[in-house]
């Protein structure tokens, strides 16, 4: 894209220099422009205007459609959604901690799809286990399942074990995880 703009700017500069040079050399001559030259000039200006328009309207043209835009909802007809949900407000954070983090979204999506694994079962501890108990049990399992120790394809098990320990060892992540975990 940058090469294109460099090319366009160089054409504009070259044309300006040529026209300035032509005016300096032929001051006493009348300007004669043929019909073909008029067509070339007009089409060049038309292309430049269209390019500027497309550049300025690129955000509107490339706008992604949300589920709200795709749906035929009643709130679209009376514009209530637009009153309370503007584009610029999405990145606004209230004072204090941000509530919708990446982990919250992952836990919420997994819980809604019944795909949230029980990391307490993966490590083999109870839900009210202390961080020391979790760490001790994780180290025992890591020694048994590590791919270098077992010489088997236990990489997936080790990855799941690491993920479980990562979530359960962090106090904030564990609280978020417990909020979305459905214990049968």
C-alpha atoms as a PDB file:
ATOM      1  CA  UNK A   1       0.000   0.000   0.000  1.00  0.00           C
ATOM      2  CA  UNK A   2       2.865   2.385   0.748  1.00  0.00           C
ATOM      3  CA  UNK A   3       4.386   1.863  -2.710  1.00  0.00           C
ATOM      4  CA  UNK A   4       1.077   2.855  -4.261  1.00  0.00           C
ATOM      5  CA  UNK A   5       0.947   6.145  -2.361  1.00  0.00           C
ATOM      6  CA  UNK A   6       4.588   6.877  -3.160  1.00  0.00           C
ATOM      7  CA  UNK A   7       3.789   6.291  -6.831  1.00  0.00           C
ATOM      8  CA  UNK A   8       0.735   8.596  -6.716  1.00  0.00           C
ATOM      9  CA  UNK A   9       2.658  11.373  -4.961  1.00  0.00           C
ATOM     10  CA  UNK A  10       5.566  11.088  -7.399  1.00  0.00           C
ATOM     11  CA  UNK A  11       3.148  11.338 -10.364  1.00  0.00           C
ATOM     12  CA  UNK A  12       1.580  14.474  -8.843  1.00  0.00           C
ATOM     13  CA  UNK A  13       4.984  16.064  -8.237  1.00  0.00           C
ATOM     14  CA  UNK A  14       6.209  15.121 -11.710  1.00  0.00           C
ATOM     15  CA  UNK A  15       3.070  16.599 -13.295  1.00  0.00           C
ATOM     16  CA  UNK A  16       3.426  19.795 -11.288  1.00  0.00           C
ATOM     17  CA  UNK A  17       7.062  20.220 -12.301  1.00  0.00           C
ATOM     18  CA  UNK A  18       6.256  19.563 -15.949  1.00  0.00           C
ATOM     19  CA  UNK A  19       3.392  22.057 -16.014  1.00  0.00           C
ATOM     20  CA  UNK A  20       5.491  24.701 -14.217  1.00  0.00           C
ATOM     21  CA  UNK A  21       8.347  24.140 -16.669  1.00  0.00           C
ATOM     22  CA  UNK A  22       5.979  24.357 -19.633  1.00  0.00           C
ATOM     23  CA  UNK A  23       4.521  27.634 -18.388  1.00  0.00           C
ATOM     24  CA  UNK A  24       7.957  29.179 -17.907  1.00  0.00           C
ATOM     25  CA  UNK A  25       9.172  28.208 -21.398  1.00  0.00           C
ATOM     26  CA  UNK A  26       6.045  29.168 -23.313  1.00  0.00           C
ATOM     27  CA  UNK A  27       4.863  32.396 -21.746  1.00  0.00           C
ATOM     28  CA  UNK A  28       3.950  34.018 -25.026  1.00  0.00           C
ATOM     29  CA  UNK A  29       2.082  31.014 -26.455  1.00  0.00           C
ATOM     30  CA  UNK A  30      -1.615  30.274 -26.059  1.00  0.00           C
ATOM     31  CA  UNK A  31      -2.488  27.118 -24.194  1.00  0.00           C
ATOM     32  CA  UNK A  32      -3.831  24.516 -26.563  1.00  0.00           C
ATOM     33  CA  UNK A  33      -5.309  21.398 -25.012  1.00  0.00           C
ATOM     34  CA  UNK A  34      -6.613  18.686 -27.282  1.00  0.00           C
ATOM     35  CA  UNK A  35      -9.697  16.647 -26.561  1.00  0.00           C
ATOM     36  CA  UNK A  36      -7.582  13.590 -25.741  1.00  0.00           C
ATOM     37  CA  UNK A  37      -5.576  15.556 -23.196  1.00  0.00           C
ATOM     38  CA  UNK A  38      -8.797  16.855 -21.642  1.00  0.00           C
ATOM     39  CA  UNK A  39     -10.065  13.282 -21.282  1.00  0.00           C
ATOM     40  CA  UNK A  40      -6.783  12.194 -19.686  1.00  0.00           C
ATOM     41  CA  UNK A  41      -6.827  15.139 -17.252  1.00  0.00           C
ATOM     42  CA  UNK A  42     -10.478  14.599 -16.325  1.00  0.00           C
ATOM     43  CA  UNK A  43     -10.035  10.862 -15.786  1.00  0.00           C
ATOM     44  CA  UNK A  44      -6.916  11.509 -13.667  1.00  0.00           C
ATOM     45  CA  UNK A  45      -8.796  13.942 -11.451  1.00  0.00           C
ATOM     46  CA  UNK A  46     -11.764  11.573 -11.233  1.00  0.00           C
ATOM     47  CA  UNK A  47      -9.492   8.721 -10.123  1.00  0.00           C
ATOM     48  CA  UNK A  48      -7.861  10.988  -7.532  1.00  0.00           C
ATOM     49  CA  UNK A  49     -11.247  12.072  -6.140  1.00  0.00           C
ATOM     50  CA  UNK A  50     -12.468   8.461  -5.968  1.00  0.00           C
ATOM     51  CA  UNK A  51      -9.236   7.383  -4.247  1.00  0.00           C
ATOM     52  CA  UNK A  52      -9.580  10.160  -1.661  1.00  0.00           C
ATOM     53  CA  UNK A  53     -13.225   9.241  -1.068  1.00  0.00           C
ATOM     54  CA  UNK A  54     -12.382   5.559  -0.602  1.00  0.00           C
ATOM     55  CA  UNK A  55      -9.534   6.427   1.748  1.00  0.00           C
ATOM     56  CA  UNK A  56     -11.780   8.590   3.910  1.00  0.00           C
ATOM     57  CA  UNK A  57     -14.647   6.064   3.873  1.00  0.00           C
ATOM     58  CA  UNK A  58     -12.519   2.971   4.521  1.00  0.00           C
ATOM     59  CA  UNK A  59     -13.782   2.530   8.092  1.00  0.00           C
ATOM     60  CA  UNK A  60     -17.400   2.595   6.976  1.00  0.00           C
ATOM     61  CA  UNK A  61     -16.767   0.305   4.012  1.00  0.00           C
ATOM     62  CA  UNK A  62     -14.777  -2.272   6.004  1.00  0.00           C
ATOM     63  CA  UNK A  63     -17.031  -2.147   9.070  1.00  0.00           C
ATOM     64  CA  UNK A  64     -17.557  -5.525  10.660  1.00  0.00           C
ATOM     65  CA  UNK A  65     -21.109  -6.588  11.245  1.00  0.00           C
ATOM     66  CA  UNK A  66     -22.014  -7.553  14.806  1.00  0.00           C
ATOM     67  CA  UNK A  67     -24.722  -9.991  15.809  1.00  0.00           C
ATOM     68  CA  UNK A  68     -26.910  -6.978  16.556  1.00  0.00           C
ATOM     69  CA  UNK A  69     -26.410  -5.622  13.023  1.00  0.00           C
ATOM     70  CA  UNK A  70     -27.258  -8.994  11.471  1.00  0.00           C
ATOM     71  CA  UNK A  71     -30.425  -9.527  13.483  1.00  0.00           C
ATOM     72  CA  UNK A  72     -33.830  -8.032  12.781  1.00  0.00           C
ATOM     73  CA  UNK A  73     -34.456  -6.590  16.228  1.00  0.00           C
ATOM     74  CA  UNK A  74     -37.171  -4.270  17.460  1.00  0.00           C
ATOM     75  CA  UNK A  75     -34.663  -1.923  19.097  1.00  0.00           C
ATOM     76  CA  UNK A  76     -33.203  -1.093  15.677  1.00  0.00           C
ATOM     77  CA  UNK A  77     -36.467   0.469  14.604  1.00  0.00           C
ATOM     78  CA  UNK A  78     -36.691   2.972  17.452  1.00  0.00           C
ATOM     79  CA  UNK A  79     -32.901   3.371  17.843  1.00  0.00           C
ATOM     80  CA  UNK A  80     -32.833   2.518  21.559  1.00  0.00           C
ATOM     81  CA  UNK A  81     -29.718   0.398  21.141  1.00  0.00           C
ATOM     82  CA  UNK A  82     -27.793   3.293  19.643  1.00  0.00           C
ATOM     83  CA  UNK A  83     -28.830   5.588  22.492  1.00  0.00           C
ATOM     84  CA  UNK A  84     -27.143   3.429  25.093  1.00  0.00           C
ATOM     85  CA  UNK A  85     -24.411   1.585  23.135  1.00  0.00           C
ATOM     86  CA  UNK A  86     -22.057   3.782  21.198  1.00  0.00           C
ATOM     87  CA  UNK A  87     -18.865   2.666  19.494  1.00  0.00           C
ATOM     88  CA  UNK A  88     -16.635   4.969  21.500  1.00  0.00           C
ATOM     89  CA  UNK A  89     -17.883   3.636  24.844  1.00  0.00           C
ATOM     90  CA  UNK A  90     -16.591   0.099  24.374  1.00  0.00           C
ATOM     91  CA  UNK A  91     -13.089   0.944  25.498  1.00  0.00           C
ATOM     92  CA  UNK A  92     -14.198   3.025  28.462  1.00  0.00           C
ATOM     93  CA  UNK A  93     -13.318   1.555  31.843  1.00  0.00           C
ATOM     94  CA  UNK A  94     -14.971   2.552  35.040  1.00  0.00           C
ATOM     95  CA  UNK A  95     -12.891   3.453  38.046  1.00  0.00           C
ATOM     96  CA  UNK A  96     -11.594   0.429  39.863  1.00  0.00           C
ATOM     97  CA  UNK A  97     -10.886  -2.981  38.434  1.00  0.00           C
ATOM     98  CA  UNK A  98     -11.915  -4.032  35.000  1.00  0.00           C
ATOM     99  CA  UNK A  99     -14.498  -6.799  35.198  1.00  0.00           C
ATOM    100  CA  UNK A 100     -14.525  -8.334  31.741  1.00  0.00           C
ATOM    101  CA  UNK A 101     -11.060  -9.745  31.337  1.00  0.00           C
ATOM    102  CA  UNK A 102      -9.811 -12.274  28.822  1.00  0.00           C
ATOM    103  CA  UNK A 103      -9.959 -15.035  31.438  1.00  0.00           C
ATOM    104  CA  UNK A 104     -13.555 -14.161  32.324  1.00  0.00           C
ATOM    105  CA  UNK A 105     -14.539 -14.466  28.683  1.00  0.00           C
ATOM    106  CA  UNK A 106     -12.717 -17.794  28.283  1.00  0.00           C
ATOM    107  CA  UNK A 107     -14.270 -19.239  31.464  1.00  0.00           C
ATOM    108  CA  UNK A 108     -17.730 -17.947  30.542  1.00  0.00           C
ATOM    109  CA  UNK A 109     -17.584 -19.355  27.006  1.00  0.00           C
ATOM    110  CA  UNK A 110     -16.284 -22.718  28.196  1.00  0.00           C
ATOM    111  CA  UNK A 111     -18.915 -22.900  30.945  1.00  0.00           C
ATOM    112  CA  UNK A 112     -21.706 -22.080  28.488  1.00  0.00           C
ATOM    113  CA  UNK A 113     -20.528 -24.834  26.135  1.00  0.00           C
ATOM    114  CA  UNK A 114     -20.002 -27.330  28.999  1.00  0.00           C
ATOM    115  CA  UNK A 115     -16.322 -27.513  28.024  1.00  0.00           C
ATOM    116  CA  UNK A 116     -14.844 -26.103  31.234  1.00  0.00           C
ATOM    117  CA  UNK A 117     -12.670 -28.869  32.669  1.00  0.00           C
ATOM    118  CA  UNK A 118     -12.595 -29.536  36.384  1.00  0.00           C
ATOM    119  CA  UNK A 119      -9.013 -28.575  37.186  1.00  0.00           C
ATOM    120  CA  UNK A 120      -9.403 -29.818  40.749  1.00  0.00           C
ATOM    121  CA  UNK A 121      -9.907 -33.341  39.353  1.00  0.00           C
ATOM    122  CA  UNK A 122      -6.987 -32.893  36.946  1.00  0.00           C
ATOM    123  CA  UNK A 123      -4.619 -32.166  39.817  1.00  0.00           C
ATOM    124  CA  UNK A 124      -6.445 -34.484  42.207  1.00  0.00           C
ATOM    125  CA  UNK A 125      -7.289 -32.129  45.058  1.00  0.00           C
ATOM    126  CA  UNK A 126     -10.514 -31.014  46.694  1.00  0.00           C
ATOM    127  CA  UNK A 127     -12.116 -27.668  45.931  1.00  0.00           C
ATOM    128  CA  UNK A 128     -11.095 -26.239  49.306  1.00  0.00           C
ATOM    129  CA  UNK A 129      -7.436 -27.295  49.013  1.00  0.00           C
ATOM    130  CA  UNK A 130      -4.774 -24.864  50.139  1.00  0.00           C
ATOM    131  CA  UNK A 131      -2.190 -23.450  47.724  1.00  0.00           C
ATOM    132  CA  UNK A 132       0.505 -25.595  49.367  1.00  0.00           C
ATOM    133  CA  UNK A 133      -1.532 -28.780  48.833  1.00  0.00           C
ATOM    134  CA  UNK A 134      -2.125 -27.838  45.195  1.00  0.00           C
ATOM    135  CA  UNK A 135       1.573 -27.135  44.666  1.00  0.00           C
ATOM    136  CA  UNK A 136       2.631 -30.422  46.290  1.00  0.00           C
ATOM    137  CA  UNK A 137       0.146 -32.499  44.272  1.00  0.00           C
ATOM    138  CA  UNK A 138       1.087 -30.693  41.046  1.00  0.00           C
ATOM    139  CA  UNK A 139       4.784 -31.462  41.555  1.00  0.00           C
ATOM    140  CA  UNK A 140       4.026 -35.144  42.186  1.00  0.00           C
ATOM    141  CA  UNK A 141       1.952 -35.409  39.006  1.00  0.00           C
ATOM    142  CA  UNK A 142       4.486 -33.407  37.010  1.00  0.00           C
ATOM    143  CA  UNK A 143       7.223 -35.855  37.976  1.00  0.00           C
ATOM    144  CA  UNK A 144       5.065 -38.771  36.820  1.00  0.00           C
ATOM    145  CA  UNK A 145       3.696 -37.309  33.583  1.00  0.00           C
ATOM    146  CA  UNK A 146       6.547 -35.160  32.290  1.00  0.00           C
ATOM    147  CA  UNK A 147       7.460 -36.246  28.708  1.00  0.00           C
ATOM    148  CA  UNK A 148      11.178 -36.407  29.550  1.00  0.00           C
ATOM    149  CA  UNK A 149      10.531 -38.823  32.409  1.00  0.00           C
ATOM    150  CA  UNK A 150       7.930 -41.107  30.815  1.00  0.00           C
ATOM    151  CA  UNK A 151       9.307 -41.292  27.232  1.00  0.00           C
ATOM    152  CA  UNK A 152       5.696 -41.393  26.052  1.00  0.00           C
ATOM    153  CA  UNK A 153       3.412 -38.953  24.329  1.00  0.00           C
ATOM    154  CA  UNK A 154       2.241 -37.244  27.492  1.00  0.00           C
ATOM    155  CA  UNK A 155       2.610 -33.691  26.220  1.00  0.00           C
ATOM    156  CA  UNK A 156      -1.156 -33.084  26.152  1.00  0.00           C
ATOM    157  CA  UNK A 157      -1.545 -34.349  29.712  1.00  0.00           C
ATOM    158  CA  UNK A 158       1.325 -32.157  30.851  1.00  0.00           C
ATOM    159  CA  UNK A 159      -0.152 -29.117  29.085  1.00  0.00           C
ATOM    160  CA  UNK A 160      -3.512 -29.678  30.780  1.00  0.00           C
ATOM    161  CA  UNK A 161      -1.781 -30.175  34.133  1.00  0.00           C
ATOM    162  CA  UNK A 162       0.176 -26.922  33.659  1.00  0.00           C
ATOM    163  CA  UNK A 163      -3.000 -25.041  32.749  1.00  0.00           C
ATOM    164  CA  UNK A 164      -4.764 -26.415  35.825  1.00  0.00           C
ATOM    165  CA  UNK A 165      -1.880 -25.404  38.095  1.00  0.00           C
ATOM    166  CA  UNK A 166      -1.645 -21.977  36.462  1.00  0.00           C
ATOM    167  CA  UNK A 167      -5.292 -21.275  37.234  1.00  0.00           C
ATOM    168  CA  UNK A 168      -5.499 -22.857  40.685  1.00  0.00           C
ATOM    169  CA  UNK A 169      -2.235 -21.366  41.975  1.00  0.00           C
ATOM    170  CA  UNK A 170      -3.252 -17.795  41.155  1.00  0.00           C
ATOM    171  CA  UNK A 171      -5.742 -16.475  43.725  1.00  0.00           C
ATOM    172  CA  UNK A 172      -7.652 -14.166  41.348  1.00  0.00           C
ATOM    173  CA  UNK A 173      -7.832 -16.712  38.520  1.00  0.00           C
ATOM    174  CA  UNK A 174      -8.987 -19.377  40.955  1.00  0.00           C
ATOM    175  CA  UNK A 175     -11.819 -17.147  42.189  1.00  0.00           C
ATOM    176  CA  UNK A 176     -12.914 -16.466  38.619  1.00  0.00           C
ATOM    177  CA  UNK A 177     -12.671 -20.154  37.753  1.00  0.00           C
ATOM    178  CA  UNK A 178     -14.720 -21.151  40.828  1.00  0.00           C
ATOM    179  CA  UNK A 179     -17.381 -18.652  39.797  1.00  0.00           C
ATOM    180  CA  UNK A 180     -17.930 -20.412  36.449  1.00  0.00           C
ATOM    181  CA  UNK A 181     -17.269 -24.031  37.475  1.00  0.00           C
ATOM    182  CA  UNK A 182     -20.391 -26.209  37.578  1.00  0.00           C
ATOM    183  CA  UNK A 183     -19.848 -29.040  40.045  1.00  0.00           C
ATOM    184  CA  UNK A 184     -22.173 -31.982  39.489  1.00  0.00           C
END
